[in-house]
């Protein structure tokens, strides 16, 4: 769990409490929203997170 939080902090540049909330949401519900941003940035960050062995999907904002 610490690895996930530290990876989100480093790659996405969220603060530690926000990254922890994302990790807890994903742990409890099976998925969690990390960030809402434009498609190019989302694809770039998803690639970075995948290279750190995290599972990532990009979905359109509803």
Protein backbone atom coordinates (compact mmCIF):
# COMPACT_ATOMS: atom_id res chain seq x y z
CA UNK A 1 0.00 0.00 0.00
CA UNK A 2 2.84 2.37 0.78
CA UNK A 3 4.34 1.63 -2.64
CA UNK A 4 1.09 2.64 -4.34
CA UNK A 5 0.84 5.89 -2.35
CA UNK A 6 4.48 6.80 -2.95
CA UNK A 7 4.14 6.04 -6.68
CA UNK A 8 1.05 8.24 -7.02
CA UNK A 9 2.80 11.06 -5.13
CA UNK A 10 5.89 10.81 -7.33
CA UNK A 11 4.22 10.32 -10.73
CA UNK A 12 0.96 12.25 -10.46
CA UNK A 13 2.30 14.87 -8.02
CA UNK A 14 -0.60 14.53 -5.59
CA UNK A 15 0.03 15.27 -1.94
CA UNK A 16 0.31 12.27 0.37
CA UNK A 17 -3.20 12.57 1.95
CA UNK A 18 -4.85 12.72 -1.51
CA UNK A 19 -2.79 9.79 -2.77
CA UNK A 20 -3.71 7.83 0.35
CA UNK A 21 -7.43 8.52 -0.24
CA UNK A 22 -7.06 7.23 -3.82
CA UNK A 23 -5.31 4.08 -2.64
CA UNK A 24 -7.91 3.39 0.10
CA UNK A 25 -10.78 3.92 -2.37
CA UNK A 26 -9.19 1.49 -4.83
CA UNK A 27 -8.51 -1.02 -2.06
CA UNK A 28 -12.08 -0.95 -0.74
CA UNK A 29 -14.05 -0.62 -4.01
CA UNK A 30 -11.72 -2.29 -6.49
CA UNK A 31 -11.04 0.96 -8.36
CA UNK A 32 -10.46 4.60 -7.52
CA UNK A 33 -10.22 7.90 -9.33
CA UNK A 34 -6.80 9.48 -9.15
CA UNK A 35 -7.19 12.48 -11.43
CA UNK A 36 -9.47 14.14 -13.97
CA UNK A 37 -7.44 15.78 -16.73
CA UNK A 38 -7.23 16.09 -20.51
CA UNK A 39 -6.68 12.95 -22.55
CA UNK A 40 -3.03 13.47 -23.51
CA UNK A 41 -1.94 14.00 -19.92
CA UNK A 42 -4.08 11.07 -18.76
CA UNK A 43 -2.43 8.78 -21.31
CA UNK A 44 1.03 9.98 -20.30
CA UNK A 45 0.39 9.47 -16.57
CA UNK A 46 -1.24 6.09 -17.18
CA UNK A 47 1.85 4.96 -19.06
CA UNK A 48 4.08 6.16 -16.23
CA UNK A 49 1.97 4.38 -13.59
CA UNK A 50 1.88 1.17 -15.63
CA UNK A 51 5.67 1.24 -15.88
CA UNK A 52 5.64 1.17 -12.07
CA UNK A 53 3.49 -2.00 -12.17
CA UNK A 54 0.19 -0.33 -11.24
CA UNK A 55 -3.05 -1.19 -13.05
CA UNK A 56 -4.53 1.88 -14.71
CA UNK A 57 -7.53 2.63 -16.91
CA UNK A 58 -8.59 5.88 -18.53
CA UNK A 59 -12.28 6.66 -18.69
CA UNK A 60 -14.16 9.68 -20.04
CA UNK A 61 -15.61 12.07 -17.47
CA UNK A 62 -19.33 11.58 -17.04
